Structures are given as structure tokens and as C-alpha cells.
Amino acid sequence: MSRLIAIAAGMAMFAAAVPAYAGGGGEAAELQAARSNARAGGPISARDAELLQRYGCESGTRSWACGNGRPDRPRYYGRYRRY
């Protein structure tokens, strides 16, 4: 009988621990989703852009939210010289 109670208690503790672990992550999971959206073409919401600007992107990601996308200003600032 005591073995049955011990097994039942162990299964109850295991069942209670799994949902608590599955709910973890929170902002870290949001950040990874935002980074994958940036790799796919750009952030899809203001929250994604906020997370990327706060925590940064993975290396090699070209997106305006990461700060390393295409520059807005022209490449040459001065006049072209004619020789």
C-alpha cells in the first residue's frame, strides 16, 4: 500500500512540474520569435521592433530594426568630379 502511495505522489509531483516548466520563457520566447521574423524579412509588429532594438539581433540579420539594414542616405555625398 505504501508503495502505491509513493508512486501516486511521485506521479502527482511530475504532473504538477510539467505545466510550470512549459509556461516558462515569456519574453525570451518572444525575443526568439522576433529574431526569426527579422531573419525572414523584418519585424511584423511594434513589439518585435522594440525587442530587437533592446536586445539586438543575431549576427548576419539585415533588418532596419537591427540597425544594420540598408542606409537611408546616399553613398556619395559630394559632387562627382569631371576630369
PDB file of N, CA and C in Angstrom:
ATOM      1  N   MET A   1       0.814  -1.188   0.000  1.00  0.00           N
ATOM      2  CA  MET A   1       0.000   0.000   0.000  1.00  0.00           C
ATOM      3  C   MET A   1       0.862   1.258   0.000  1.00  0.00           C
ATOM      4  N   SER A   2       1.950   1.228   0.788  1.00  0.00           N
ATOM      5  CA  SER A   2       2.809   2.409   0.854  1.00  0.00           C
ATOM      6  C   SER A   2       3.526   2.636  -0.483  1.00  0.00           C
ATOM      7  N   ARG A   3       3.820   1.559  -1.179  1.00  0.00           N
ATOM      8  CA  ARG A   3       4.453   1.695  -2.495  1.00  0.00           C
ATOM      9  C   ARG A   3       3.498   2.373  -3.476  1.00  0.00           C
ATOM     10  N   LEU A   4       2.238   2.037  -3.425  1.00  0.00           N
ATOM     11  CA  LEU A   4       1.229   2.645  -4.284  1.00  0.00           C
ATOM     12  C   LEU A   4       1.077   4.144  -3.984  1.00  0.00           C
ATOM     13  N   ILE A   5       1.122   4.498  -2.711  1.00  0.00           N
ATOM     14  CA  ILE A   5       1.029   5.911  -2.323  1.00  0.00           C
ATOM     15  C   ILE A   5       2.267   6.668  -2.810  1.00  0.00           C
ATOM     16  N   ALA A   6       3.430   6.063  -2.686  1.00  0.00           N
ATOM     17  CA  ALA A   6       4.662   6.710  -3.142  1.00  0.00           C
ATOM     18  C   ALA A   6       4.645   6.913  -4.656  1.00  0.00           C
ATOM     19  N   ILE A   7       4.163   5.932  -5.392  1.00  0.00           N
ATOM     20  CA  ILE A   7       4.073   6.065  -6.849  1.00  0.00           C
ATOM     21  C   ILE A   7       3.070   7.145  -7.223  1.00  0.00           C
ATOM     22  N   ALA A   8       1.932   7.163  -6.539  1.00  0.00           N
ATOM     23  CA  ALA A   8       0.914   8.185  -6.821  1.00  0.00           C
ATOM     24  C   ALA A   8       1.442   9.579  -6.495  1.00  0.00           C
ATOM     25  N   ALA A   9       2.169   9.713  -5.390  1.00  0.00           N
ATOM     26  CA  ALA A   9       2.732  11.016  -5.023  1.00  0.00           C
ATOM     27  C   ALA A   9       3.793  11.449  -6.041  1.00  0.00           C
ATOM     28  N   GLY A  10       4.602  10.517  -6.482  1.00  0.00           N
ATOM     29  CA  GLY A  10       5.615  10.836  -7.494  1.00  0.00           C
ATOM     30  C   GLY A  10       4.999  11.261  -8.810  1.00  0.00           C
ATOM     31  N   MET A  11       3.955  10.585  -9.233  1.00  0.00           N
ATOM     32  CA  MET A  11       3.279  10.966 -10.475  1.00  0.00           C
ATOM     33  C   MET A  11       2.592  12.318 -10.340  1.00  0.00           C
ATOM     34  N   ALA A  12       2.048  12.611  -9.155  1.00  0.00           N
ATOM     35  CA  ALA A  12       1.406  13.909  -8.934  1.00  0.00           C
ATOM     36  C   ALA A  12       2.439  15.038  -8.994  1.00  0.00           C
ATOM     37  N   MET A  13       3.614  14.807  -8.400  1.00  0.00           N
ATOM     38  CA  MET A  13       4.670  15.836  -8.455  1.00  0.00           C
ATOM     39  C   MET A  13       5.157  16.030  -9.892  1.00  0.00           C
ATOM     40  N   PHE A  14       5.277  14.952 -10.628  1.00  0.00           N
ATOM     41  CA  PHE A  14       5.710  15.058 -12.022  1.00  0.00           C
ATOM     42  C   PHE A  14       4.681  15.802 -12.864  1.00  0.00           C
ATOM     43  N   ALA A  15       3.410  15.507 -12.651  1.00  0.00           N
ATOM     44  CA  ALA A  15       2.342  16.174 -13.408  1.00  0.00           C
ATOM     45  C   ALA A  15       2.257  17.653 -13.048  1.00  0.00           C
ATOM     46  N   ALA A  16       2.542  18.003 -11.808  1.00  0.00           N
ATOM     47  CA  ALA A  16       2.490  19.407 -11.392  1.00  0.00           C
ATOM     48  C   ALA A  16       3.699  20.180 -11.908  1.00  0.00           C
ATOM     49  N   ALA A  17       4.831  19.526 -12.106  1.00  0.00           N
ATOM     50  CA  ALA A  17       6.046  20.213 -12.532  1.00  0.00           C
ATOM     51  C   ALA A  17       6.048  20.509 -14.026  1.00  0.00           C
ATOM     52  N   VAL A  18       5.424  19.692 -14.838  1.00  0.00           N
ATOM     53  CA  VAL A  18       5.464  19.865 -16.291  1.00  0.00           C
ATOM     54  C   VAL A  18       4.784  21.152 -16.753  1.00  0.00           C
ATOM     55  N   PRO A  19       3.566  21.486 -16.301  1.00  0.00           N
ATOM     56  CA  PRO A  19       2.959  22.744 -16.758  1.00  0.00           C
ATOM     57  C   PRO A  19       3.729  23.983 -16.308  1.00  0.00           C
ATOM     58  N   ALA A  20       4.353  23.937 -15.137  1.00  0.00           N
ATOM     59  CA  ALA A  20       5.124  25.083 -14.670  1.00  0.00           C
ATOM     60  C   ALA A  20       6.337  25.301 -15.573  1.00  0.00           C
ATOM     61  N   TYR A  21       6.955  24.244 -16.037  1.00  0.00           N
ATOM     62  CA  TYR A  21       8.111  24.373 -16.917  1.00  0.00           C
ATOM     63  C   TYR A  21       7.684  24.797 -18.317  1.00  0.00           C
ATOM     64  N   ALA A  22       6.566  24.286 -18.784  1.00  0.00           N
ATOM     65  CA  ALA A  22       6.108  24.609 -20.135  1.00  0.00           C
ATOM     66  C   ALA A  22       5.705  26.074 -20.250  1.00  0.00           C
ATOM     67  N   GLY A  23       5.280  26.684 -19.160  1.00  0.00           N
ATOM     68  CA  GLY A  23       4.879  28.083 -19.192  1.00  0.00           C
ATOM     69  C   GLY A  23       6.054  29.038 -19.127  1.00  0.00           C
ATOM     70  N   GLY A  24       7.243  28.548 -18.839  1.00  0.00           N
ATOM     71  CA  GLY A  24       8.418  29.404 -18.715  1.00  0.00           C
ATOM     72  C   GLY A  24       8.863  29.945 -20.059  1.00  0.00           C
ATOM     73  N   GLY A  25       9.700  30.937 -20.023  1.00  0.00           N
ATOM     74  CA  GLY A  25      10.191  31.519 -21.278  1.00  0.00           C
ATOM     75  C   GLY A  25       9.765  32.954 -21.384  1.00  0.00           C
ATOM     76  N   GLY A  26       8.499  33.176 -21.558  1.00  0.00           N
ATOM     77  CA  GLY A  26       7.946  34.525 -21.590  1.00  0.00           C
ATOM     78  C   GLY A  26       8.600  35.401 -22.631  1.00  0.00           C
ATOM     79  N   GLU A  27       9.355  36.377 -22.164  1.00  0.00           N
ATOM     80  CA  GLU A  27       9.963  37.350 -23.060  1.00  0.00           C
ATOM     81  C   GLU A  27      11.080  36.732 -23.901  1.00  0.00           C
ATOM     82  N   ALA A  28      11.742  35.704 -23.368  1.00  0.00           N
ATOM     83  CA  ALA A  28      12.788  35.042 -24.143  1.00  0.00           C
ATOM     84  C   ALA A  28      12.202  34.369 -25.380  1.00  0.00           C
ATOM     85  N   ALA A  29      11.042  33.763 -25.231  1.00  0.00           N
ATOM     86  CA  ALA A  29      10.386  33.138 -26.378  1.00  0.00           C
ATOM     87  C   ALA A  29       9.920  34.196 -27.369  1.00  0.00           C
ATOM     88  N   GLU A  30       9.430  35.326 -26.854  1.00  0.00           N
ATOM     89  CA  GLU A  30       9.031  36.429 -27.735  1.00  0.00           C
ATOM     90  C   GLU A  30      10.228  36.968 -28.505  1.00  0.00           C
ATOM     91  N   LEU A  31      11.379  37.068 -27.823  1.00  0.00           N
ATOM     92  CA  LEU A  31      12.586  37.579 -28.471  1.00  0.00           C
ATOM     93  C   LEU A  31      13.037  36.653 -29.594  1.00  0.00           C
ATOM     94  N   GLN A  32      13.012  35.353 -29.360  1.00  0.00           N
ATOM     95  CA  GLN A  32      13.410  34.416 -30.407  1.00  0.00           C
ATOM     96  C   GLN A  32      12.455  34.475 -31.592  1.00  0.00           C
ATOM     97  N   ALA A  33      11.173  34.657 -31.319  1.00  0.00           N
ATOM     98  CA  ALA A  33      10.203  34.798 -32.407  1.00  0.00           C
ATOM     99  C   ALA A  33      10.454  36.083 -33.187  1.00  0.00           C
ATOM    100  N   ALA A  34      10.789  37.161 -32.489  1.00  0.00           N
ATOM    101  CA  ALA A  34      11.085  38.427 -33.160  1.00  0.00           C
ATOM    102  C   ALA A  34      12.348  38.310 -34.006  1.00  0.00           C
ATOM    103  N   ARG A  35      13.356  37.602 -33.499  1.00  0.00           N
ATOM    104  CA  ARG A  35      14.593  37.413 -34.270  1.00  0.00           C
ATOM    105  C   ARG A  35      14.342  36.579 -35.519  1.00  0.00           C
ATOM    106  N   SER A  36      13.510  35.564 -35.413  1.00  0.00           N
ATOM    107  CA  SER A  36      13.222  34.757 -36.605  1.00  0.00           C
ATOM    108  C   SER A  36      12.398  35.553 -37.608  1.00  0.00           C
ATOM    109  N   ASN A  37      11.503  36.418 -37.142  1.00  0.00           N
ATOM    110  CA  ASN A  37      10.764  37.290 -38.058  1.00  0.00           C
ATOM    111  C   ASN A  37      11.700  38.269 -38.749  1.00  0.00           C
ATOM    112  N   ALA A  38      12.706  38.768 -38.030  1.00  0.00           N
ATOM    113  CA  ALA A  38      13.666  39.694 -38.636  1.00  0.00           C
ATOM    114  C   ALA A  38      14.498  38.990 -39.702  1.00  0.00           C
ATOM    115  N   ARG A  39      14.876  37.740 -39.449  1.00  0.00           N
ATOM    116  CA  ARG A  39      15.629  36.986 -40.461  1.00  0.00           C
ATOM    117  C   ARG A  39      14.772  36.721 -41.684  1.00  0.00           C
ATOM    118  N   ALA A  40      13.468  36.601 -41.501  1.00  0.00           N
ATOM    119  CA  ALA A  40      12.567  36.293 -42.610  1.00  0.00           C
ATOM    120  C   ALA A  40      12.191  37.522 -43.423  1.00  0.00           C
ATOM    121  N   GLY A  41      12.554  38.702 -42.967  1.00  0.00           N
ATOM    122  CA  GLY A  41      12.244  39.879 -43.770  1.00  0.00           C
ATOM    123  C   GLY A  41      11.981  41.139 -42.989  1.00  0.00           C
ATOM    124  N   GLY A  42      11.741  41.045 -41.723  1.00  0.00           N
ATOM    125  CA  GLY A  42      11.523  42.238 -40.927  1.00  0.00           C
ATOM    126  C   GLY A  42      10.557  41.991 -39.799  1.00  0.00           C
ATOM    127  N   PRO A  43      10.595  42.851 -38.796  1.00  0.00           N
ATOM    128  CA  PRO A  43       9.653  42.675 -37.692  1.00  0.00           C
ATOM    129  C   PRO A  43       8.224  42.925 -38.156  1.00  0.00           C
ATOM    130  N   ILE A  44       7.299  42.178 -37.606  1.00  0.00           N
ATOM    131  CA  ILE A  44       5.913  42.295 -38.057  1.00  0.00           C
ATOM    132  C   ILE A  44       5.061  43.116 -37.110  1.00  0.00           C
ATOM    133  N   SER A  45       5.619  43.543 -35.988  1.00  0.00           N
ATOM    134  CA  SER A  45       4.851  44.357 -35.052  1.00  0.00           C
ATOM    135  C   SER A  45       5.785  45.330 -34.342  1.00  0.00           C
ATOM    136  N   ALA A  46       5.190  46.284 -33.668  1.00  0.00           N
ATOM    137  CA  ALA A  46       5.982  47.247 -32.903  1.00  0.00           C
ATOM    138  C   ALA A  46       6.681  46.555 -31.736  1.00  0.00           C
ATOM    139  N   ARG A  47       6.066  45.538 -31.175  1.00  0.00           N
ATOM    140  CA  ARG A  47       6.681  44.792 -30.075  1.00  0.00           C
ATOM    141  C   ARG A  47       7.930  44.062 -30.552  1.00  0.00           C
ATOM    142  N   ASP A  48       7.883  43.477 -31.747  1.00  0.00           N
ATOM    143  CA  ASP A  48       9.070  42.833 -32.312  1.00  0.00           C
ATOM    144  C   ASP A  48      10.194  43.843 -32.485  1.00  0.00           C
ATOM    145  N   ALA A  49       9.878  45.009 -33.034  1.00  0.00           N
ATOM    146  CA  ALA A  49      10.896  46.035 -33.246  1.00  0.00           C
ATOM    147  C   ALA A  49      11.479  46.503 -31.921  1.00  0.00           C
ATOM    148  N   GLU A  50      10.639  46.635 -30.907  1.00  0.00           N
ATOM    149  CA  GLU A  50      11.118  47.057 -29.587  1.00  0.00           C
ATOM    150  C   GLU A  50      12.078  46.029 -28.994  1.00  0.00           C
ATOM    151  N   LEU A  51      11.726  44.752 -29.092  1.00  0.00           N
ATOM    152  CA  LEU A  51      12.595  43.703 -28.565  1.00  0.00           C
ATOM    153  C   LEU A  51      13.923  43.650 -29.305  1.00  0.00           C
ATOM    154  N   LEU A  52      13.884  43.820 -30.629  1.00  0.00           N
ATOM    155  CA  LEU A  52      15.120  43.770 -31.407  1.00  0.00           C
ATOM    156  C   LEU A  52      16.021  44.955 -31.095  1.00  0.00           C
ATOM    157  N   GLN A  53      15.442  46.127 -30.896  1.00  0.00           N
ATOM    158  CA  GLN A  53      16.259  47.289 -30.570  1.00  0.00           C
ATOM    159  C   GLN A  53      16.812  47.197 -29.156  1.00  0.00           C
ATOM    160  N   ARG A  54      16.077  46.562 -28.264  1.00  0.00           N
ATOM    161  CA  ARG A  54      16.537  46.446 -26.880  1.00  0.00           C
ATOM    162  C   ARG A  54      17.620  45.385 -26.725  1.00  0.00           C
ATOM    163  N   TYR A  55      17.405  44.200 -27.300  1.00  0.00           N
ATOM    164  CA  TYR A  55      18.309  43.078 -27.081  1.00  0.00           C
ATOM    165  C   TYR A  55      19.198  42.754 -28.277  1.00  0.00           C
ATOM    166  N   GLY A  56      18.921  43.321 -29.432  1.00  0.00           N
ATOM    167  CA  GLY A  56      19.752  43.085 -30.601  1.00  0.00           C
ATOM    168  C   GLY A  56      19.333  41.868 -31.402  1.00  0.00           C
ATOM    169  N   CYS A  57      19.937  41.758 -32.571  1.00  0.00           N
ATOM    170  CA  CYS A  57      19.628  40.664 -33.490  1.00  0.00           C
ATOM    171  C   CYS A  57      20.783  39.678 -33.511  1.00  0.00           C
ATOM    172  N   GLU A  58      20.547  38.564 -34.159  1.00  0.00           N
ATOM    173  CA  GLU A  58      21.618  37.600 -34.361  1.00  0.00           C
ATOM    174  C   GLU A  58      22.528  38.103 -35.472  1.00  0.00           C
ATOM    175  N   SER A  59      23.746  37.637 -35.488  1.00  0.00           N
ATOM    176  CA  SER A  59      24.690  38.109 -36.493  1.00  0.00           C
ATOM    177  C   SER A  59      24.239  37.690 -37.883  1.00  0.00           C
ATOM    178  N   GLY A  60      24.423  38.578 -38.830  1.00  0.00           N
ATOM    179  CA  GLY A  60      24.052  38.298 -40.205  1.00  0.00           C
ATOM    180  C   GLY A  60      22.648  38.703 -40.569  1.00  0.00           C
ATOM    181  N   THR A  61      21.868  39.182 -39.615  1.00  0.00           N
ATOM    182  CA  THR A  61      20.498  39.604 -39.899  1.00  0.00           C
ATOM    183  C   THR A  61      20.518  41.011 -40.453  1.00  0.00           C
ATOM    184  N   ARG A  62      19.943  41.196 -41.632  1.00  0.00           N
ATOM    185  CA  ARG A  62      19.874  42.521 -42.246  1.00  0.00           C
ATOM    186  C   ARG A  62      18.441  43.020 -42.142  1.00  0.00           C
ATOM    187  N   SER A  63      18.225  43.924 -41.211  1.00  0.00           N
ATOM    188  CA  SER A  63      16.899  44.473 -40.999  1.00  0.00           C
ATOM    189  C   SER A  63      17.040  45.884 -40.462  1.00  0.00           C
ATOM    190  N   TRP A  64      16.052  46.737 -40.759  1.00  0.00           N
ATOM    191  CA  TRP A  64      16.119  48.108 -40.274  1.00  0.00           C
ATOM    192  C   TRP A  64      16.005  48.155 -38.757  1.00  0.00           C
ATOM    193  N   ALA A  65      15.356  47.205 -38.151  1.00  0.00           N
ATOM    194  CA  ALA A  65      15.197  47.208 -36.698  1.00  0.00           C
ATOM    195  C   ALA A  65      16.485  46.823 -35.989  1.00  0.00           C
ATOM    196  N   CYS A  66      17.379  46.148 -36.682  1.00  0.00           N
ATOM    197  CA  CYS A  66      18.648  45.745 -36.077  1.00  0.00           C
ATOM    198  C   CYS A  66      19.691  46.850 -36.169  1.00  0.00           C
ATOM    199  N   GLY A  67      19.436  47.839 -36.985  1.00  0.00           N
ATOM    200  CA  GLY A  67      20.392  48.923 -37.128  1.00  0.00           C
ATOM    201  C   GLY A  67      21.468  48.653 -38.164  1.00  0.00           C
ATOM    202  N   ASN A  68      21.380  47.554 -38.883  1.00  0.00           N
ATOM    203  CA  ASN A  68      22.403  47.242 -39.875  1.00  0.00           C
ATOM    204  C   ASN A  68      21.807  47.001 -41.254  1.00  0.00           C
ATOM    205  N   GLY A  69      20.625  47.510 -41.472  1.00  0.00           N
ATOM    206  CA  GLY A  69      19.988  47.336 -42.773  1.00  0.00           C
ATOM    207  C   GLY A  69      20.533  48.317 -43.791  1.00  0.00           C
ATOM    208  N   ARG A  70      19.827  48.523 -44.845  1.00  0.00           N
ATOM    209  CA  ARG A  70      20.241  49.437 -45.899  1.00  0.00           C
ATOM    210  C   ARG A  70      20.221  50.873 -45.376  1.00  0.00           C
ATOM    211  N   PRO A  71      21.276  51.631 -45.605  1.00  0.00           N
ATOM    212  CA  PRO A  71      21.292  53.015 -45.119  1.00  0.00           C
ATOM    213  C   PRO A  71      20.302  53.886 -45.883  1.00  0.00           C
ATOM    214  N   ASP A  72      19.785  54.900 -45.213  1.00  0.00           N
ATOM    215  CA  ASP A  72      18.811  55.790 -45.832  1.00  0.00           C
ATOM    216  C   ASP A  72      19.468  56.866 -46.683  1.00  0.00           C
ATOM    217  N   ARG A  73      20.695  57.221 -46.388  1.00  0.00           N
ATOM    218  CA  ARG A  73      21.361  58.299 -47.118  1.00  0.00           C
ATOM    219  C   ARG A  73      22.142  57.743 -48.309  1.00  0.00           C
ATOM    220  N   PRO A  74      22.398  58.570 -49.290  1.00  0.00           N
ATOM    221  CA  PRO A  74      23.139  58.088 -50.465  1.00  0.00           C
ATOM    222  C   PRO A  74      24.590  57.765 -50.115  1.00  0.00           C
ATOM    223  N   ARG A  75      25.201  56.983 -50.958  1.00  0.00           N
ATOM    224  CA  ARG A  75      26.562  56.541 -50.686  1.00  0.00           C
ATOM    225  C   ARG A  75      27.579  57.654 -50.876  1.00  0.00           C
ATOM    226  N   TYR A  76      27.422  58.459 -51.889  1.00  0.00           N
ATOM    227  CA  TYR A  76      28.348  59.561 -52.161  1.00  0.00           C
ATOM    228  C   TYR A  76      27.652  60.866 -51.825  1.00  0.00           C
ATOM    229  N   TYR A  77      28.316  61.684 -51.024  1.00  0.00           N
ATOM    230  CA  TYR A  77      27.690  62.904 -50.548  1.00  0.00           C
ATOM    231  C   TYR A  77      28.046  64.117 -51.398  1.00  0.00           C
ATOM    232  N   GLY A  78      29.249  64.139 -51.915  1.00  0.00           N
ATOM    233  CA  GLY A  78      29.700  65.310 -52.666  1.00  0.00           C
ATOM    234  C   GLY A  78      29.363  65.213 -54.140  1.00  0.00           C
ATOM    235  N   ARG A  79      29.802  66.220 -54.867  1.00  0.00           N
ATOM    236  CA  ARG A  79      29.594  66.206 -56.310  1.00  0.00           C
ATOM    237  C   ARG A  79      30.620  65.290 -56.963  1.00  0.00           C
ATOM    238  N   TYR A  80      30.228  64.770 -58.082  1.00  0.00           N
ATOM    239  CA  TYR A  80      31.170  63.968 -58.849  1.00  0.00           C
ATOM    240  C   TYR A  80      32.081  64.910 -59.621  1.00  0.00           C
ATOM    241  N   ARG A  81      33.346  64.603 -59.623  1.00  0.00           N
ATOM    242  CA  ARG A  81      34.292  65.429 -60.372  1.00  0.00           C
ATOM    243  C   ARG A  81      34.372  64.937 -61.798  1.00  0.00           C
ATOM    244  N   ARG A  82      34.402  65.877 -62.687  1.00  0.00           N
ATOM    245  CA  ARG A  82      34.552  65.532 -64.098  1.00  0.00           C
ATOM    246  C   ARG A  82      35.969  65.880 -64.507  1.00  0.00           C
ATOM    247  N   TYR A  83      36.659  64.945 -65.043  1.00  0.00           N
ATOM    248  CA  TYR A  83      38.049  65.163 -65.442  1.00  0.00           C
ATOM    249  C   TYR A  83      38.158  65.397 -66.914  1.00  0.00           C
TER     250      TYR A  83
END
